[in-house]
Amino acid sequence: MLDPQETEAQFEHRWWELMTEMKTRFGKKPDLNALLLLIGVQELGQGAGPFTKEQKQDLMHIATCRLFSISGYYELESVDEEGWPHYRLLNALPFSNLKEQERMLKWHVLEYFDQQNEG
């Protein structure tokens, strides 16, 4: 869950560090959609593509579900015969506006990459 002890400055610093790492790794700073696509591709585990526009949207959906599974909003329900994961919504997402949604998504991105670095 979101850490109530983390200040906005600490959160922004963690985000800046991740963006710096991504820029070093990929040559440019990604936006949130690019990060979602990257996470979706990683979760699918079938390499970098090529993917159709619809598949890219599906990959971003996979990423969003995977990210929100960290806080128990989704869980992995199954993986289909083509290897694509399918998630089930467990709890309604608590957004009241787009700014809150973006911040919560960014926090989950940070947690996701922290988990990846631990494993």
N, C-alpha and C. Protein backbone atom coordinates (compact mmCIF):
# COMPACT_ATOMS: atom_id res chain seq x y z
N MET A 1 0.84 -1.19 0.00
CA MET A 1 0.00 0.00 0.00
C MET A 1 0.88 1.24 0.00
N LEU A 2 0.27 2.36 -0.37
CA LEU A 2 1.02 3.61 -0.36
C LEU A 2 1.55 3.88 1.03
N ASP A 3 2.78 4.30 1.10
CA ASP A 3 3.44 4.53 2.39
C ASP A 3 3.06 5.90 2.92
N PRO A 4 2.28 5.96 4.00
CA PRO A 4 1.87 7.26 4.54
C PRO A 4 3.05 8.05 5.13
N GLN A 5 4.17 7.35 5.40
CA GLN A 5 5.34 8.02 5.96
C GLN A 5 6.20 8.70 4.89
N GLU A 6 5.98 8.33 3.63
CA GLU A 6 6.78 8.90 2.54
C GLU A 6 6.29 10.31 2.21
N THR A 7 7.19 11.28 2.28
CA THR A 7 6.80 12.65 1.96
C THR A 7 6.73 12.81 0.45
N GLU A 8 6.08 13.88 0.04
CA GLU A 8 6.00 14.17 -1.40
C GLU A 8 7.39 14.35 -1.99
N ALA A 9 8.29 14.98 -1.23
CA ALA A 9 9.67 15.18 -1.70
C ALA A 9 10.39 13.85 -1.87
N GLN A 10 10.20 12.92 -0.95
CA GLN A 10 10.82 11.59 -1.07
C GLN A 10 10.27 10.84 -2.28
N PHE A 11 8.96 10.93 -2.45
CA PHE A 11 8.32 10.29 -3.59
C PHE A 11 8.88 10.85 -4.90
N GLU A 12 8.92 12.16 -5.00
CA GLU A 12 9.43 12.81 -6.23
C GLU A 12 10.89 12.45 -6.46
N HIS A 13 11.68 12.31 -5.40
CA HIS A 13 13.08 11.93 -5.54
C HIS A 13 13.20 10.49 -6.07
N ARG A 14 12.39 9.59 -5.54
CA ARG A 14 12.40 8.20 -6.03
C ARG A 14 12.01 8.16 -7.50
N TRP A 15 11.00 8.97 -7.88
CA TRP A 15 10.55 9.00 -9.28
C TRP A 15 11.66 9.55 -10.17
N TRP A 16 12.32 10.62 -9.74
CA TRP A 16 13.41 11.21 -10.50
C TRP A 16 14.54 10.20 -10.69
N GLU A 17 14.87 9.45 -9.65
CA GLU A 17 15.92 8.43 -9.76
C GLU A 17 15.55 7.36 -10.78
N LEU A 18 14.29 6.91 -10.77
CA LEU A 18 13.86 5.91 -11.74
C LEU A 18 13.93 6.48 -13.16
N MET A 19 13.48 7.71 -13.35
CA MET A 19 13.51 8.31 -14.68
C MET A 19 14.95 8.47 -15.17
N THR A 20 15.86 8.80 -14.27
CA THR A 20 17.27 8.93 -14.63
C THR A 20 17.82 7.57 -15.06
N GLU A 21 17.47 6.53 -14.31
CA GLU A 21 17.91 5.17 -14.66
C GLU A 21 17.35 4.75 -16.02
N MET A 22 16.08 5.04 -16.26
CA MET A 22 15.45 4.67 -17.54
C MET A 22 16.08 5.44 -18.71
N LYS A 23 16.38 6.72 -18.48
CA LYS A 23 17.00 7.52 -19.53
C LYS A 23 18.38 6.96 -19.86
N THR A 24 19.13 6.56 -18.84
CA THR A 24 20.44 5.96 -19.06
C THR A 24 20.31 4.65 -19.83
N ARG A 25 19.33 3.86 -19.46
CA ARG A 25 19.15 2.54 -20.08
C ARG A 25 18.64 2.62 -21.52
N PHE A 26 17.71 3.55 -21.78
CA PHE A 26 17.05 3.58 -23.09
C PHE A 26 17.37 4.79 -23.95
N GLY A 27 18.16 5.74 -23.41
CA GLY A 27 18.57 6.89 -24.20
C GLY A 27 17.62 8.07 -24.18
N LYS A 28 16.44 7.88 -23.59
CA LYS A 28 15.52 9.00 -23.41
C LYS A 28 14.60 8.69 -22.24
N LYS A 29 14.08 9.77 -21.67
CA LYS A 29 13.21 9.62 -20.51
C LYS A 29 11.82 9.18 -20.98
N PRO A 30 11.32 8.05 -20.47
CA PRO A 30 10.00 7.57 -20.89
C PRO A 30 8.88 8.30 -20.17
N ASP A 31 7.72 8.36 -20.82
CA ASP A 31 6.55 8.85 -20.11
C ASP A 31 5.87 7.65 -19.45
N LEU A 32 4.80 7.91 -18.73
CA LEU A 32 4.13 6.85 -17.98
C LEU A 32 3.60 5.76 -18.92
N ASN A 33 3.08 6.13 -20.08
CA ASN A 33 2.59 5.13 -21.03
C ASN A 33 3.71 4.23 -21.53
N ALA A 34 4.88 4.80 -21.78
CA ALA A 34 6.02 3.99 -22.22
C ALA A 34 6.44 3.02 -21.12
N LEU A 35 6.40 3.47 -19.87
CA LEU A 35 6.72 2.58 -18.75
C LEU A 35 5.71 1.44 -18.64
N LEU A 36 4.43 1.77 -18.85
CA LEU A 36 3.40 0.72 -18.81
C LEU A 36 3.63 -0.30 -19.92
N LEU A 37 3.98 0.17 -21.10
CA LEU A 37 4.26 -0.74 -22.20
C LEU A 37 5.46 -1.62 -21.87
N LEU A 38 6.50 -1.03 -21.33
CA LEU A 38 7.70 -1.78 -20.94
C LEU A 38 7.36 -2.86 -19.91
N ILE A 39 6.58 -2.50 -18.90
CA ILE A 39 6.18 -3.46 -17.86
C ILE A 39 5.32 -4.56 -18.47
N GLY A 40 4.39 -4.18 -19.35
CA GLY A 40 3.54 -5.18 -20.00
C GLY A 40 4.34 -6.18 -20.81
N VAL A 41 5.32 -5.69 -21.55
CA VAL A 41 6.19 -6.57 -22.34
C VAL A 41 6.97 -7.49 -21.41
N GLN A 42 7.46 -6.93 -20.33
CA GLN A 42 8.22 -7.74 -19.36
C GLN A 42 7.33 -8.81 -18.75
N GLU A 43 6.11 -8.45 -18.38
CA GLU A 43 5.19 -9.42 -17.77
C GLU A 43 4.76 -10.50 -18.76
N LEU A 44 4.61 -10.14 -20.03
CA LEU A 44 4.25 -11.12 -21.05
C LEU A 44 5.39 -12.11 -21.24
N GLY A 45 6.63 -11.60 -21.21
CA GLY A 45 7.79 -12.46 -21.28
C GLY A 45 8.06 -13.11 -22.63
N GLN A 46 7.61 -12.47 -23.70
CA GLN A 46 7.80 -13.04 -25.04
C GLN A 46 8.71 -12.19 -25.91
N GLY A 47 9.49 -11.32 -25.31
CA GLY A 47 10.38 -10.47 -26.10
C GLY A 47 9.74 -9.15 -26.47
N ALA A 48 10.46 -8.36 -27.24
CA ALA A 48 10.08 -6.97 -27.50
C ALA A 48 9.11 -6.77 -28.66
N GLY A 49 8.58 -7.81 -29.22
CA GLY A 49 7.59 -7.58 -30.27
C GLY A 49 8.10 -8.03 -31.63
N PRO A 50 7.51 -7.58 -32.69
CA PRO A 50 6.63 -6.42 -32.82
C PRO A 50 5.20 -6.71 -32.33
N PHE A 51 4.52 -5.64 -31.92
CA PHE A 51 3.16 -5.75 -31.44
C PHE A 51 2.26 -4.81 -32.24
N THR A 52 1.02 -5.22 -32.45
CA THR A 52 0.04 -4.35 -33.10
C THR A 52 -0.39 -3.27 -32.11
N LYS A 53 -1.09 -2.27 -32.60
CA LYS A 53 -1.59 -1.21 -31.72
C LYS A 53 -2.51 -1.80 -30.65
N GLU A 54 -3.36 -2.74 -31.03
CA GLU A 54 -4.27 -3.37 -30.07
C GLU A 54 -3.48 -4.17 -29.03
N GLN A 55 -2.45 -4.89 -29.47
CA GLN A 55 -1.63 -5.64 -28.53
C GLN A 55 -0.90 -4.70 -27.57
N LYS A 56 -0.47 -3.55 -28.05
CA LYS A 56 0.18 -2.57 -27.17
C LYS A 56 -0.79 -2.09 -26.10
N GLN A 57 -2.04 -1.86 -26.48
CA GLN A 57 -3.05 -1.45 -25.50
C GLN A 57 -3.26 -2.58 -24.49
N ASP A 58 -3.30 -3.82 -24.97
CA ASP A 58 -3.45 -4.97 -24.08
C ASP A 58 -2.26 -5.07 -23.12
N LEU A 59 -1.05 -4.82 -23.63
CA LEU A 59 0.15 -4.86 -22.79
C LEU A 59 0.09 -3.80 -21.70
N MET A 60 -0.41 -2.62 -22.03
CA MET A 60 -0.54 -1.56 -21.03
C MET A 60 -1.59 -1.94 -19.99
N HIS A 61 -2.63 -2.63 -20.42
CA HIS A 61 -3.65 -3.11 -19.47
C HIS A 61 -3.06 -4.17 -18.55
N ILE A 62 -2.28 -5.09 -19.12
CA ILE A 62 -1.60 -6.10 -18.30
C ILE A 62 -0.73 -5.42 -17.25
N ALA A 63 0.01 -4.41 -17.68
CA ALA A 63 0.90 -3.69 -16.76
C ALA A 63 0.11 -3.03 -15.64
N THR A 64 -0.98 -2.38 -15.99
CA THR A 64 -1.80 -1.70 -14.99
C THR A 64 -2.35 -2.70 -13.97
N CYS A 65 -2.86 -3.82 -14.47
CA CYS A 65 -3.37 -4.85 -13.56
C CYS A 65 -2.26 -5.41 -12.69
N ARG A 66 -1.10 -5.69 -13.30
CA ARG A 66 0.04 -6.22 -12.54
C ARG A 66 0.47 -5.24 -11.45
N LEU A 67 0.53 -3.95 -11.82
CA LEU A 67 0.93 -2.94 -10.85
C LEU A 67 -0.04 -2.87 -9.68
N PHE A 68 -1.33 -2.84 -9.99
CA PHE A 68 -2.32 -2.73 -8.92
C PHE A 68 -2.51 -4.04 -8.16
N SER A 69 -1.94 -5.13 -8.66
CA SER A 69 -1.95 -6.37 -7.88
C SER A 69 -1.03 -6.24 -6.67
N ILE A 70 -0.06 -5.33 -6.75
CA ILE A 70 0.84 -5.09 -5.62
C ILE A 70 0.05 -4.69 -4.37
N SER A 71 -1.01 -3.92 -4.58
CA SER A 71 -1.83 -3.46 -3.45
C SER A 71 -3.13 -4.25 -3.29
N GLY A 72 -3.24 -5.36 -4.00
CA GLY A 72 -4.40 -6.22 -3.81
C GLY A 72 -5.66 -5.82 -4.54
N TYR A 73 -5.55 -4.95 -5.54
CA TYR A 73 -6.73 -4.56 -6.31
C TYR A 73 -7.05 -5.57 -7.41
N TYR A 74 -6.01 -6.22 -7.93
CA TYR A 74 -6.17 -7.25 -8.95
C TYR A 74 -5.40 -8.48 -8.52
N GLU A 75 -5.77 -9.63 -9.11
CA GLU A 75 -4.96 -10.82 -8.96
C GLU A 75 -4.91 -11.52 -10.32
N LEU A 76 -3.80 -12.22 -10.53
CA LEU A 76 -3.66 -12.99 -11.75
C LEU A 76 -4.67 -14.13 -11.72
N GLU A 77 -5.51 -14.18 -12.73
CA GLU A 77 -6.55 -15.20 -12.79
C GLU A 77 -6.10 -16.40 -13.63
N SER A 78 -5.49 -16.12 -14.77
CA SER A 78 -5.07 -17.21 -15.65
C SER A 78 -4.08 -16.67 -16.69
N VAL A 79 -3.46 -17.58 -17.38
CA VAL A 79 -2.62 -17.26 -18.53
C VAL A 79 -3.19 -18.08 -19.68
N ASP A 80 -3.52 -17.41 -20.80
CA ASP A 80 -4.15 -18.13 -21.91
C ASP A 80 -3.14 -18.96 -22.69
N GLU A 81 -3.64 -19.67 -23.70
CA GLU A 81 -2.79 -20.60 -24.45
C GLU A 81 -1.68 -19.89 -25.23
N GLU A 82 -1.81 -18.59 -25.44
CA GLU A 82 -0.77 -17.81 -26.13
C GLU A 82 0.19 -17.15 -25.15
N GLY A 83 -0.01 -17.40 -23.85
CA GLY A 83 0.89 -16.87 -22.84
C GLY A 83 0.51 -15.50 -22.29
N TRP A 84 -0.67 -15.00 -22.65
CA TRP A 84 -1.09 -13.68 -22.18
C TRP A 84 -1.79 -13.81 -20.82
N PRO A 85 -1.32 -13.05 -19.83
CA PRO A 85 -1.96 -13.11 -18.50
C PRO A 85 -3.30 -12.38 -18.49
N HIS A 86 -4.20 -12.89 -17.66
CA HIS A 86 -5.51 -12.28 -17.47
C HIS A 86 -5.72 -12.08 -15.97
N TYR A 87 -6.14 -10.86 -15.62
CA TYR A 87 -6.30 -10.49 -14.22
C TYR A 87 -7.77 -10.32 -13.88
N ARG A 88 -8.04 -10.48 -12.60
CA ARG A 88 -9.39 -10.30 -12.07
C ARG A 88 -9.37 -9.16 -11.06
N LEU A 89 -10.34 -8.25 -11.18
CA LEU A 89 -10.47 -7.14 -10.25
C LEU A 89 -11.00 -7.66 -8.92
N LEU A 90 -10.30 -7.35 -7.83
CA LEU A 90 -10.72 -7.80 -6.50
C LEU A 90 -11.41 -6.68 -5.72
N ASN A 91 -10.89 -5.47 -5.87
CA ASN A 91 -11.42 -4.31 -5.15
C ASN A 91 -11.45 -3.11 -6.09
N ALA A 92 -12.47 -2.28 -5.93
CA ALA A 92 -12.57 -1.08 -6.75
C ALA A 92 -11.37 -0.17 -6.49
N LEU A 93 -10.87 0.43 -7.54
CA LEU A 93 -9.74 1.35 -7.41
C LEU A 93 -10.22 2.67 -6.80
N PRO A 94 -9.46 3.25 -5.87
CA PRO A 94 -9.94 4.38 -5.07
C PRO A 94 -9.62 5.77 -5.62
N PHE A 95 -9.72 5.98 -6.92
CA PHE A 95 -9.36 7.28 -7.46
C PHE A 95 -10.53 8.25 -7.41
N SER A 96 -10.24 9.47 -7.01
CA SER A 96 -11.28 10.49 -7.10
C SER A 96 -11.00 11.46 -8.24
N ASN A 97 -9.74 11.47 -8.73
CA ASN A 97 -9.42 12.33 -9.87
C ASN A 97 -8.19 11.79 -10.60
N LEU A 98 -7.90 12.36 -11.76
CA LEU A 98 -6.78 11.88 -12.58
C LEU A 98 -5.43 12.08 -11.92
N LYS A 99 -5.28 13.16 -11.17
CA LYS A 99 -4.01 13.41 -10.50
C LYS A 99 -3.72 12.31 -9.47
N GLU A 100 -4.73 11.93 -8.69
CA GLU A 100 -4.57 10.84 -7.72
C GLU A 100 -4.26 9.53 -8.43
N GLN A 101 -4.96 9.28 -9.55
CA GLN A 101 -4.74 8.06 -10.31
C GLN A 101 -3.30 8.00 -10.82
N GLU A 102 -2.80 9.10 -11.36
CA GLU A 102 -1.44 9.13 -11.87
C GLU A 102 -0.42 8.93 -10.75
N ARG A 103 -0.65 9.57 -9.61
CA ARG A 103 0.30 9.42 -8.50
C ARG A 103 0.31 7.98 -7.99
N MET A 104 -0.86 7.38 -7.88
CA MET A 104 -0.93 6.01 -7.40
C MET A 104 -0.26 5.06 -8.41
N LEU A 105 -0.47 5.32 -9.68
CA LEU A 105 0.17 4.51 -10.71
C LEU A 105 1.69 4.65 -10.65
N LYS A 106 2.18 5.87 -10.49
CA LYS A 106 3.62 6.10 -10.37
C LYS A 106 4.19 5.38 -9.15
N TRP A 107 3.48 5.44 -8.03
CA TRP A 107 3.95 4.76 -6.83
C TRP A 107 4.08 3.26 -7.09
N HIS A 108 3.08 2.69 -7.76
CA HIS A 108 3.12 1.26 -8.06
C HIS A 108 4.25 0.93 -9.04
N VAL A 109 4.54 1.82 -9.99
CA VAL A 109 5.68 1.62 -10.90
C VAL A 109 6.97 1.57 -10.09
N LEU A 110 7.12 2.49 -9.15
CA LEU A 110 8.32 2.49 -8.30
C LEU A 110 8.43 1.18 -7.52
N GLU A 111 7.33 0.73 -6.94
CA GLU A 111 7.34 -0.52 -6.18
C GLU A 111 7.67 -1.71 -7.09
N TYR A 112 7.11 -1.70 -8.29
CA TYR A 112 7.37 -2.79 -9.24
C TYR A 112 8.86 -2.89 -9.54
N PHE A 113 9.49 -1.76 -9.87
CA PHE A 113 10.92 -1.80 -10.20
C PHE A 113 11.77 -2.11 -8.96
N ASP A 114 11.32 -1.68 -7.78
CA ASP A 114 12.04 -2.06 -6.55
C ASP A 114 12.00 -3.58 -6.38
N GLN A 115 10.83 -4.19 -6.62
CA GLN A 115 10.69 -5.64 -6.51
C GLN A 115 11.56 -6.35 -7.54
N GLN A 116 11.62 -5.81 -8.75
CA GLN A 116 12.43 -6.42 -9.82
C GLN A 116 13.91 -6.38 -9.45
N ASN A 117 14.32 -5.29 -8.83
CA ASN A 117 15.73 -5.13 -8.45
C ASN A 117 16.11 -6.03 -7.28
N GLU A 118 15.12 -6.38 -6.45
CA GLU A 118 15.38 -7.26 -5.31
C GLU A 118 15.55 -8.71 -5.76
N GLY A 119 14.80 -9.09 -6.82
CA GLY A 119 14.76 -10.49 -7.23
C GLY A 119 15.80 -10.89 -8.16
